[in-house]
């Protein structure tokens, strides 16, 4: 079970990094990457899902405006 949670956390982190890079239209630099990784690591599963959904909503609104 612990391995599955680790995979979920890694997947969510990858998705959030992808959303940030898509919204910023550039890759995160190493410092930004580290900050985001530490920030996301402090969340439990439910919080990660909420943040992920907020980023998706924000990015979708941004794309509609463009």
PDB file of N, CA and C in Angstrom:
ATOM      1  N   UNK A   1       0.828  -1.202   0.000  1.00  0.00           N
ATOM      2  CA  UNK A   1       0.000   0.000   0.000  1.00  0.00           C
ATOM      3  C   UNK A   1       0.868   1.260   0.000  1.00  0.00           C
ATOM      4  N   UNK A   2       1.948   1.242   0.745  1.00  0.00           N
ATOM      5  CA  UNK A   2       2.829   2.401   0.831  1.00  0.00           C
ATOM      6  C   UNK A   2       3.437   2.725  -0.539  1.00  0.00           C
ATOM      7  N   UNK A   3       3.785   1.687  -1.308  1.00  0.00           N
ATOM      8  CA  UNK A   3       4.356   1.895  -2.634  1.00  0.00           C
ATOM      9  C   UNK A   3       3.347   2.594  -3.540  1.00  0.00           C
ATOM     10  N   UNK A   4       2.073   2.213  -3.440  1.00  0.00           N
ATOM     11  CA  UNK A   4       1.022   2.836  -4.248  1.00  0.00           C
ATOM     12  C   UNK A   4       0.888   4.318  -3.900  1.00  0.00           C
ATOM     13  N   UNK A   5       0.969   4.656  -2.611  1.00  0.00           N
ATOM     14  CA  UNK A   5       0.880   6.058  -2.199  1.00  0.00           C
ATOM     15  C   UNK A   5       2.055   6.856  -2.741  1.00  0.00           C
ATOM     16  N   UNK A   6       3.231   6.246  -2.753  1.00  0.00           N
ATOM     17  CA  UNK A   6       4.414   6.907  -3.296  1.00  0.00           C
ATOM     18  C   UNK A   6       4.241   7.156  -4.786  1.00  0.00           C
ATOM     19  N   UNK A   7       3.681   6.178  -5.495  1.00  0.00           N
ATOM     20  CA  UNK A   7       3.417   6.342  -6.927  1.00  0.00           C
ATOM     21  C   UNK A   7       2.396   7.444  -7.163  1.00  0.00           C
ATOM     22  N   UNK A   8       1.339   7.499  -6.348  1.00  0.00           N
ATOM     23  CA  UNK A   8       0.326   8.556  -6.465  1.00  0.00           C
ATOM     24  C   UNK A   8       0.958   9.924  -6.261  1.00  0.00           C
ATOM     25  N   UNK A   9       1.806  10.029  -5.247  1.00  0.00           N
ATOM     26  CA  UNK A   9       2.457  11.309  -4.952  1.00  0.00           C
ATOM     27  C   UNK A   9       3.358  11.719  -6.119  1.00  0.00           C
ATOM     28  N   UNK A  10       4.129  10.782  -6.654  1.00  0.00           N
ATOM     29  CA  UNK A  10       5.015  11.085  -7.779  1.00  0.00           C
ATOM     30  C   UNK A  10       4.216  11.489  -9.010  1.00  0.00           C
ATOM     31  N   UNK A  11       3.130  10.775  -9.285  1.00  0.00           N
ATOM     32  CA  UNK A  11       2.282  11.102 -10.434  1.00  0.00           C
ATOM     33  C   UNK A  11       1.691  12.506 -10.284  1.00  0.00           C
ATOM     34  N   UNK A  12       1.178  12.806  -9.096  1.00  0.00           N
ATOM     35  CA  UNK A  12       0.594  14.126  -8.859  1.00  0.00           C
ATOM     36  C   UNK A  12       1.642  15.213  -9.004  1.00  0.00           C
ATOM     37  N   UNK A  13       2.828  14.974  -8.466  1.00  0.00           N
ATOM     38  CA  UNK A  13       3.907  15.948  -8.580  1.00  0.00           C
ATOM     39  C   UNK A  13       4.263  16.181 -10.046  1.00  0.00           C
ATOM     40  N   UNK A  14       4.356  15.106 -10.822  1.00  0.00           N
ATOM     41  CA  UNK A  14       4.646  15.238 -12.251  1.00  0.00           C
ATOM     42  C   UNK A  14       3.552  16.028 -12.963  1.00  0.00           C
ATOM     43  N   UNK A  15       2.308  15.761 -12.600  1.00  0.00           N
ATOM     44  CA  UNK A  15       1.192  16.477 -13.231  1.00  0.00           C
ATOM     45  C   UNK A  15       1.222  17.964 -12.888  1.00  0.00           C
ATOM     46  N   UNK A  16       1.489  18.283 -11.634  1.00  0.00           N
ATOM     47  CA  UNK A  16       1.543  19.688 -11.226  1.00  0.00           C
ATOM     48  C   UNK A  16       2.708  20.394 -11.901  1.00  0.00           C
ATOM     49  N   UNK A  17       3.867  19.742 -11.971  1.00  0.00           N
ATOM     50  CA  UNK A  17       4.993  20.334 -12.693  1.00  0.00           C
ATOM     51  C   UNK A  17       4.606  20.589 -14.151  1.00  0.00           C
ATOM     52  N   UNK A  18       3.951  19.626 -14.767  1.00  0.00           N
ATOM     53  CA  UNK A  18       3.525  19.781 -16.152  1.00  0.00           C
ATOM     54  C   UNK A  18       2.558  20.933 -16.347  1.00  0.00           C
ATOM     55  N   UNK A  19       1.622  21.063 -15.419  1.00  0.00           N
ATOM     56  CA  UNK A  19       0.659  22.165 -15.513  1.00  0.00           C
ATOM     57  C   UNK A  19       1.348  23.518 -15.341  1.00  0.00           C
ATOM     58  N   UNK A  20       2.277  23.598 -14.391  1.00  0.00           N
ATOM     59  CA  UNK A  20       3.012  24.853 -14.194  1.00  0.00           C
ATOM     60  C   UNK A  20       3.827  25.198 -15.440  1.00  0.00           C
ATOM     61  N   UNK A  21       4.517  24.201 -15.998  1.00  0.00           N
ATOM     62  CA  UNK A  21       5.319  24.454 -17.188  1.00  0.00           C
ATOM     63  C   UNK A  21       4.447  24.839 -18.378  1.00  0.00           C
ATOM     64  N   UNK A  22       3.289  24.226 -18.490  1.00  0.00           N
ATOM     65  CA  UNK A  22       2.373  24.565 -19.574  1.00  0.00           C
ATOM     66  C   UNK A  22       1.855  25.994 -19.417  1.00  0.00           C
ATOM     67  N   UNK A  23       1.474  26.339 -18.199  1.00  0.00           N
ATOM     68  CA  UNK A  23       0.972  27.688 -17.944  1.00  0.00           C
ATOM     69  C   UNK A  23       2.039  28.753 -18.109  1.00  0.00           C
ATOM     70  N   UNK A  24       3.250  28.443 -17.666  1.00  0.00           N
ATOM     71  CA  UNK A  24       4.358  29.396 -17.776  1.00  0.00           C
ATOM     72  C   UNK A  24       4.972  29.395 -19.176  1.00  0.00           C
ATOM     73  N   UNK A  25       4.706  28.348 -19.923  1.00  0.00           N
ATOM     74  CA  UNK A  25       5.246  28.145 -21.262  1.00  0.00           C
ATOM     75  C   UNK A  25       6.770  28.099 -21.249  1.00  0.00           C
ATOM     76  N   UNK A  26       7.290  27.428 -20.210  1.00  0.00           N
ATOM     77  CA  UNK A  26       8.730  27.202 -20.088  1.00  0.00           C
ATOM     78  C   UNK A  26       8.951  26.106 -19.057  1.00  0.00           C
ATOM     79  N   UNK A  27      10.156  25.569 -19.030  1.00  0.00           N
ATOM     80  CA  UNK A  27      10.492  24.573 -18.030  1.00  0.00           C
ATOM     81  C   UNK A  27      10.814  25.265 -16.705  1.00  0.00           C
ATOM     82  N   UNK A  28      10.530  24.570 -15.612  1.00  0.00           N
ATOM     83  CA  UNK A  28      10.909  25.091 -14.306  1.00  0.00           C
ATOM     84  C   UNK A  28      12.417  24.968 -14.142  1.00  0.00           C
ATOM     85  N   UNK A  29      13.022  25.976 -13.532  1.00  0.00           N
ATOM     86  CA  UNK A  29      14.453  25.862 -13.264  1.00  0.00           C
ATOM     87  C   UNK A  29      14.651  24.992 -12.017  1.00  0.00           C
ATOM     88  N   UNK A  30      15.860  24.558 -11.736  1.00  0.00           N
ATOM     89  CA  UNK A  30      16.087  23.650 -10.606  1.00  0.00           C
ATOM     90  C   UNK A  30      15.578  24.188  -9.262  1.00  0.00           C
ATOM     91  N   UNK A  31      15.745  25.470  -9.026  1.00  0.00           N
ATOM     92  CA  UNK A  31      15.273  26.042  -7.756  1.00  0.00           C
ATOM     93  C   UNK A  31      13.750  25.982  -7.676  1.00  0.00           C
ATOM     94  N   UNK A  32      13.072  26.393  -8.749  1.00  0.00           N
ATOM     95  CA  UNK A  32      11.609  26.334  -8.782  1.00  0.00           C
ATOM     96  C   UNK A  32      11.121  24.894  -8.626  1.00  0.00           C
ATOM     97  N   UNK A  33      11.784  23.990  -9.309  1.00  0.00           N
ATOM     98  CA  UNK A  33      11.424  22.582  -9.237  1.00  0.00           C
ATOM     99  C   UNK A  33      11.519  22.071  -7.792  1.00  0.00           C
ATOM    100  N   UNK A  34      12.597  22.435  -7.110  1.00  0.00           N
ATOM    101  CA  UNK A  34      12.777  22.030  -5.717  1.00  0.00           C
ATOM    102  C   UNK A  34      11.719  22.616  -4.796  1.00  0.00           C
ATOM    103  N   UNK A  35      11.395  23.875  -4.992  1.00  0.00           N
ATOM    104  CA  UNK A  35      10.378  24.537  -4.165  1.00  0.00           C
ATOM    105  C   UNK A  35       9.024  23.859  -4.342  1.00  0.00           C
ATOM    106  N   UNK A  36       8.641  23.603  -5.592  1.00  0.00           N
ATOM    107  CA  UNK A  36       7.357  22.959  -5.868  1.00  0.00           C
ATOM    108  C   UNK A  36       7.342  21.551  -5.270  1.00  0.00           C
ATOM    109  N   UNK A  37       8.432  20.825  -5.429  1.00  0.00           N
ATOM    110  CA  UNK A  37       8.504  19.457  -4.892  1.00  0.00           C
ATOM    111  C   UNK A  37       8.340  19.442  -3.379  1.00  0.00           C
ATOM    112  N   UNK A  38       9.020  20.348  -2.681  1.00  0.00           N
ATOM    113  CA  UNK A  38       8.897  20.422  -1.214  1.00  0.00           C
ATOM    114  C   UNK A  38       7.481  20.820  -0.815  1.00  0.00           C
ATOM    115  N   UNK A  39       6.912  21.758  -1.543  1.00  0.00           N
ATOM    116  CA  UNK A  39       5.572  22.240  -1.244  1.00  0.00           C
ATOM    117  C   UNK A  39       4.557  21.119  -1.371  1.00  0.00           C
ATOM    118  N   UNK A  40       4.610  20.392  -2.483  1.00  0.00           N
ATOM    119  CA  UNK A  40       3.662  19.307  -2.726  1.00  0.00           C
ATOM    120  C   UNK A  40       3.874  18.156  -1.740  1.00  0.00           C
ATOM    121  N   UNK A  41       5.115  17.907  -1.356  1.00  0.00           N
ATOM    122  CA  UNK A  41       5.409  16.817  -0.420  1.00  0.00           C
ATOM    123  C   UNK A  41       4.747  17.042   0.941  1.00  0.00           C
ATOM    124  N   UNK A  42       4.438  18.288   1.258  1.00  0.00           N
ATOM    125  CA  UNK A  42       3.823  18.588   2.554  1.00  0.00           C
ATOM    126  C   UNK A  42       2.320  18.307   2.562  1.00  0.00           C
ATOM    127  N   UNK A  43       1.734  17.986   1.397  1.00  0.00           N
ATOM    128  CA  UNK A  43       0.295  17.753   1.306  1.00  0.00           C
ATOM    129  C   UNK A  43      -0.044  16.286   1.483  1.00  0.00           C
ATOM    130  N   UNK A  44      -1.209  16.026   2.064  1.00  0.00           N
ATOM    131  CA  UNK A  44      -1.706  14.652   2.062  1.00  0.00           C
ATOM    132  C   UNK A  44      -2.405  14.423   0.711  1.00  0.00           C
ATOM    133  N   UNK A  45      -2.885  13.212   0.486  1.00  0.00           N
ATOM    134  CA  UNK A  45      -3.459  12.850  -0.810  1.00  0.00           C
ATOM    135  C   UNK A  45      -4.624  13.762  -1.202  1.00  0.00           C
ATOM    136  N   UNK A  46      -5.514  14.020  -0.269  1.00  0.00           N
ATOM    137  CA  UNK A  46      -6.681  14.859  -0.572  1.00  0.00           C
ATOM    138  C   UNK A  46      -6.259  16.277  -0.958  1.00  0.00           C
ATOM    139  N   UNK A  47      -5.292  16.827  -0.241  1.00  0.00           N
ATOM    140  CA  UNK A  47      -4.814  18.172  -0.555  1.00  0.00           C
ATOM    141  C   UNK A  47      -4.147  18.220  -1.933  1.00  0.00           C
ATOM    142  N   UNK A  48      -3.383  17.173  -2.266  1.00  0.00           N
ATOM    143  CA  UNK A  48      -2.742  17.137  -3.589  1.00  0.00           C
ATOM    144  C   UNK A  48      -3.788  17.134  -4.689  1.00  0.00           C
ATOM    145  N   UNK A  49      -4.862  16.404  -4.496  1.00  0.00           N
ATOM    146  CA  UNK A  49      -5.933  16.345  -5.497  1.00  0.00           C
ATOM    147  C   UNK A  49      -6.585  17.718  -5.658  1.00  0.00           C
ATOM    148  N   UNK A  50      -6.834  18.398  -4.539  1.00  0.00           N
ATOM    149  CA  UNK A  50      -7.452  19.730  -4.598  1.00  0.00           C
ATOM    150  C   UNK A  50      -6.551  20.703  -5.350  1.00  0.00           C
ATOM    151  N   UNK A  51      -5.264  20.713  -5.020  1.00  0.00           N
ATOM    152  CA  UNK A  51      -4.323  21.626  -5.676  1.00  0.00           C
ATOM    153  C   UNK A  51      -4.217  21.292  -7.159  1.00  0.00           C
ATOM    154  N   UNK A  52      -4.138  20.025  -7.487  1.00  0.00           N
ATOM    155  CA  UNK A  52      -4.060  19.607  -8.881  1.00  0.00           C
ATOM    156  C   UNK A  52      -5.280  20.090  -9.658  1.00  0.00           C
ATOM    157  N   UNK A  53      -6.458  19.911  -9.105  1.00  0.00           N
ATOM    158  CA  UNK A  53      -7.683  20.361  -9.775  1.00  0.00           C
ATOM    159  C   UNK A  53      -7.736  21.881  -9.913  1.00  0.00           C
ATOM    160  N   UNK A  54      -7.243  22.599  -8.909  1.00  0.00           N
ATOM    161  CA  UNK A  54      -7.208  24.062  -9.005  1.00  0.00           C
ATOM    162  C   UNK A  54      -6.285  24.506 -10.139  1.00  0.00           C
ATOM    163  N   UNK A  55      -5.109  23.869 -10.244  1.00  0.00           N
ATOM    164  CA  UNK A  55      -4.193  24.212 -11.330  1.00  0.00           C
ATOM    165  C   UNK A  55      -4.807  23.910 -12.689  1.00  0.00           C
ATOM    166  N   UNK A  56      -5.485  22.777 -12.818  1.00  0.00           N
ATOM    167  CA  UNK A  56      -6.134  22.427 -14.078  1.00  0.00           C
ATOM    168  C   UNK A  56      -7.196  23.459 -14.446  1.00  0.00           C
ATOM    169  N   UNK A  57      -7.989  23.854 -13.472  1.00  0.00           N
ATOM    170  CA  UNK A  57      -9.031  24.860 -13.718  1.00  0.00           C
ATOM    171  C   UNK A  57      -8.413  26.188 -14.125  1.00  0.00           C
ATOM    172  N   UNK A  58      -7.372  26.597 -13.438  1.00  0.00           N
ATOM    173  CA  UNK A  58      -6.697  27.854 -13.756  1.00  0.00           C
ATOM    174  C   UNK A  58      -6.116  27.829 -15.165  1.00  0.00           C
ATOM    175  N   UNK A  59      -5.474  26.725 -15.506  1.00  0.00           N
ATOM    176  CA  UNK A  59      -4.876  26.619 -16.831  1.00  0.00           C
ATOM    177  C   UNK A  59      -5.947  26.612 -17.917  1.00  0.00           C
ATOM    178  N   UNK A  60      -7.054  25.924 -17.690  1.00  0.00           N
ATOM    179  CA  UNK A  60      -8.137  25.901 -18.672  1.00  0.00           C
ATOM    180  C   UNK A  60      -8.731  27.285 -18.872  1.00  0.00           C
ATOM    181  N   UNK A  61      -8.891  28.053 -17.796  1.00  0.00           N
ATOM    182  CA  UNK A  61      -9.408  29.419 -17.929  1.00  0.00           C
ATOM    183  C   UNK A  61      -8.411  30.287 -18.684  1.00  0.00           C
ATOM    184  N   UNK A  62      -7.127  30.089 -18.415  1.00  0.00           N
ATOM    185  CA  UNK A  62      -6.083  30.848 -19.086  1.00  0.00           C
ATOM    186  C   UNK A  62      -6.103  30.559 -20.594  1.00  0.00           C
ATOM    187  N   UNK A  63      -6.268  29.294 -20.959  1.00  0.00           N
ATOM    188  CA  UNK A  63      -6.299  28.915 -22.377  1.00  0.00           C
ATOM    189  C   UNK A  63      -7.512  29.504 -23.077  1.00  0.00           C
ATOM    190  N   UNK A  64      -8.662  29.586 -22.395  1.00  0.00           N
ATOM    191  CA  UNK A  64      -9.871  30.148 -23.012  1.00  0.00           C
ATOM    192  C   UNK A  64      -9.715  31.638 -23.273  1.00  0.00           C
ATOM    193  N   UNK A  65      -8.988  32.324 -22.403  1.00  0.00           N
ATOM    194  CA  UNK A  65      -8.787  33.768 -22.562  1.00  0.00           C
ATOM    195  C   UNK A  65      -7.863  34.051 -23.739  1.00  0.00           C
ATOM    196  N   UNK A  66      -6.843  33.213 -23.875  1.00  0.00           N
ATOM    197  CA  UNK A  66      -5.890  33.397 -24.977  1.00  0.00           C
ATOM    198  C   UNK A  66      -6.600  33.106 -26.260  1.00  0.00           C
TER     199      UNK A  66
END
